[in-house]
Each structure stands twice: as C-alpha cells, then as structure tokens.
C-alpha cells in the first residue's frame, strides 16, 4: 500500500492531465453534436483517439520491459480512458435531447387532444368553490 501511495505522489503531476483531457474530449463531443445533425459525427474524435490509444497500447506491450514501453503504456491508458469518456458523454447528450423531444411531442399531443381541458378543470373548481361558499 505504501508503494502505491509513493507512486501516486511521485506521478501526481502526470495524473492531473487525465481529467483535463477527458473534459476536453467530452466538450468536443458536445460541440460536434450541436454543430452537426448527423448522429455518427460526434463519435468520430473519441473513436479516433481510442484507436490511437489502442495502437500505442499494443506497441507498449511489445516493448513493455523498456522505459519507453512503460511511458507508452501510460499514454495509451490516458488516451483510451479519455476516449471512453467522450463516447459516454456523446451518448448522454443524445439521450437527454431525445427525452426532451419526446416530452415536447407528448405535450403537443395532449394539447391537440384536449386544448381547453385545463381551462375546463379550472372552471369546474371555481364553480365548486362558489357552491360551497353559497351553502356555508
């Protein structure tokens, strides 16, 4: 456990890069979603970074025992994790927008079925209140 804590404290400056890079990938996915109407476009940067990360990871496995192999493995982990973050953010944005669209469609359908329904309910409540006030 002490060795793990020492490793984290030794490489803490490198670890700060991961959330920044993941945030950048998520922001790119969101911007591309709202700039393009096509569904697949928002995934392209994240998939590209993921493929580059996998290629670097395979190269690092081949040369894992050298110092360059460990550094490449570190870079591959950063790239793949940021890529997964971008893909998840793109799915979440699409899900939120689709839920919003479905709720708007449901509201429009309810208004088309009974456009004066809310006014009618309000009038009935007022009539009931008036009748209770007269009876009291």
Protein backbone atom coordinates (compact mmCIF):
# COMPACT_ATOMS: atom_id res chain seq x y z
CA UNK A 1 0.00 0.00 0.00
CA UNK A 2 2.85 2.36 0.80
CA UNK A 3 4.37 1.65 -2.62
CA UNK A 4 1.11 2.62 -4.32
CA UNK A 5 0.92 5.86 -2.34
CA UNK A 6 4.52 6.62 -3.27
CA UNK A 7 3.79 6.02 -6.96
CA UNK A 8 0.74 8.29 -6.88
CA UNK A 9 2.64 11.06 -5.10
CA UNK A 10 5.57 10.71 -7.50
CA UNK A 11 3.41 10.93 -10.63
CA UNK A 12 0.70 13.27 -9.32
CA UNK A 13 1.54 15.97 -11.87
CA UNK A 14 1.00 13.46 -14.68
CA UNK A 15 -2.29 12.31 -13.16
CA UNK A 16 -3.71 15.84 -13.36
CA UNK A 17 -3.66 15.58 -17.15
CA UNK A 18 -6.30 12.84 -17.29
CA UNK A 19 -9.35 14.84 -16.06
CA UNK A 20 -8.37 17.78 -18.25
CA UNK A 21 -8.06 15.59 -21.33
CA UNK A 22 -11.30 13.76 -20.52
CA UNK A 23 -13.11 17.10 -20.13
CA UNK A 24 -11.74 18.26 -23.49
CA UNK A 25 -12.97 15.08 -25.21
CA UNK A 26 -16.42 15.49 -23.65
CA UNK A 27 -16.58 19.14 -24.72
CA UNK A 28 -15.59 18.23 -28.27
CA UNK A 29 -18.37 15.62 -28.37
CA UNK A 30 -20.98 18.12 -27.13
CA UNK A 31 -19.90 20.83 -29.57
CA UNK A 32 -19.94 18.41 -32.52
CA UNK A 33 -23.39 17.17 -31.51
CA UNK A 34 -24.90 20.65 -31.67
CA UNK A 35 -22.98 21.65 -34.83
CA UNK A 36 -24.00 18.63 -36.94
CA UNK A 37 -27.28 16.89 -37.50
CA UNK A 38 -25.66 13.55 -38.27
CA UNK A 39 -25.58 11.09 -35.40
CA UNK A 40 -22.19 9.48 -36.05
CA UNK A 41 -20.14 12.69 -36.33
CA UNK A 42 -19.98 13.28 -32.58
CA UNK A 43 -18.32 9.89 -32.04
CA UNK A 44 -15.53 10.30 -34.62
CA UNK A 45 -13.00 12.23 -32.47
CA UNK A 46 -13.43 9.89 -29.50
CA UNK A 47 -13.21 6.78 -31.65
CA UNK A 48 -10.11 8.17 -33.38
CA UNK A 49 -8.39 8.91 -30.08
CA UNK A 50 -9.39 5.46 -28.83
CA UNK A 51 -7.88 3.76 -31.88
CA UNK A 52 -4.66 5.75 -31.47
CA UNK A 53 -4.62 4.77 -27.79
CA UNK A 54 -5.09 1.09 -28.65
CA UNK A 55 -2.29 1.20 -31.22
CA UNK A 56 0.04 2.87 -28.72
CA UNK A 57 -1.04 0.30 -26.13
CA UNK A 58 -0.17 -2.60 -28.44
CA UNK A 59 3.22 -1.06 -29.17
CA UNK A 60 3.80 -0.56 -25.45
CA UNK A 61 3.01 -4.22 -24.76
CA UNK A 62 5.65 -5.25 -27.28
CA UNK A 63 8.28 -3.03 -25.66
CA UNK A 64 6.91 -3.19 -22.11
CA UNK A 65 10.16 -4.04 -20.37
CA UNK A 66 11.94 -0.90 -21.57
CA UNK A 67 11.44 2.59 -20.21
CA UNK A 68 9.77 3.70 -23.44
CA UNK A 69 7.29 0.83 -23.16
CA UNK A 70 6.13 1.98 -19.73
CA UNK A 71 5.77 5.57 -20.89
CA UNK A 72 3.80 4.45 -23.94
CA UNK A 73 1.54 2.34 -21.73
CA UNK A 74 0.89 5.40 -19.58
CA UNK A 75 -0.03 7.47 -22.65
CA UNK A 76 -2.24 4.68 -24.00
CA UNK A 77 -4.18 4.49 -20.74
CA UNK A 78 -4.79 8.25 -20.84
CA UNK A 79 -5.95 8.21 -24.45
CA UNK A 80 -8.28 5.23 -24.10
CA UNK A 81 -9.87 6.49 -20.88
CA UNK A 82 -10.43 9.96 -22.39
CA UNK A 83 -11.89 8.31 -25.47
CA UNK A 84 -14.35 6.31 -23.38
CA UNK A 85 -15.33 9.50 -21.54
CA UNK A 86 -16.04 11.27 -24.85
CA UNK A 87 -18.16 8.38 -26.10
CA UNK A 88 -20.18 8.22 -22.88
CA UNK A 89 -20.74 11.99 -22.92
CA UNK A 90 -21.95 11.79 -26.53
CA UNK A 91 -24.44 9.06 -25.61
CA UNK A 92 -25.66 11.08 -22.62
CA UNK A 93 -26.19 14.24 -24.67
CA UNK A 94 -28.12 12.30 -27.29
CA UNK A 95 -30.24 10.66 -24.61
CA UNK A 96 -31.07 13.99 -22.95
CA UNK A 97 -32.02 15.63 -26.24
CA UNK A 98 -34.21 12.69 -27.27
CA UNK A 99 -36.01 12.69 -23.90
CA UNK A 100 -36.63 16.42 -24.27
CA UNK A 101 -38.02 15.93 -27.79
CA UNK A 102 -40.29 13.10 -26.63
CA UNK A 103 -41.65 15.20 -23.78
CA UNK A 104 -42.39 18.06 -26.18
CA UNK A 105 -44.19 15.65 -28.53
CA UNK A 106 -46.27 14.27 -25.66
CA UNK A 107 -47.21 17.81 -24.57
CA UNK A 108 -48.21 18.69 -28.13
CA UNK A 109 -50.34 15.55 -28.41
CA UNK A 110 -52.08 16.33 -25.10
CA UNK A 111 -52.81 19.89 -26.24
CA UNK A 112 -54.18 18.64 -29.58
CA UNK A 113 -56.46 16.09 -27.91
CA UNK A 114 -57.96 18.46 -25.32
CA UNK A 115 -56.84 22.05 -25.94
CA UNK A 116 -59.31 23.56 -23.44
CA UNK A 117 -59.06 20.79 -20.87
CA UNK A 118 -57.09 22.82 -18.32
CA UNK A 119 -59.49 25.77 -18.60
CA UNK A 120 -62.47 23.46 -18.13
CA UNK A 121 -60.97 21.96 -14.96
CA UNK A 122 -60.26 25.44 -13.59
CA UNK A 123 -63.87 26.50 -14.27
CA UNK A 124 -65.21 23.40 -12.52
CA UNK A 125 -63.07 24.12 -9.46
CA UNK A 126 -64.30 27.71 -9.36
CA UNK A 127 -67.91 26.53 -9.63
CA UNK A 128 -67.41 24.04 -6.78
CA UNK A 129 -65.83 26.73 -4.59
CA UNK A 130 -68.74 29.11 -5.31
CA UNK A 131 -71.32 26.47 -4.47
CA UNK A 132 -69.54 25.67 -1.19
CA UNK A 133 -69.39 29.35 -0.30
CA UNK A 134 -73.12 29.78 -1.00
CA UNK A 135 -74.00 26.74 1.09
CA UNK A 136 -71.95 27.87 4.07
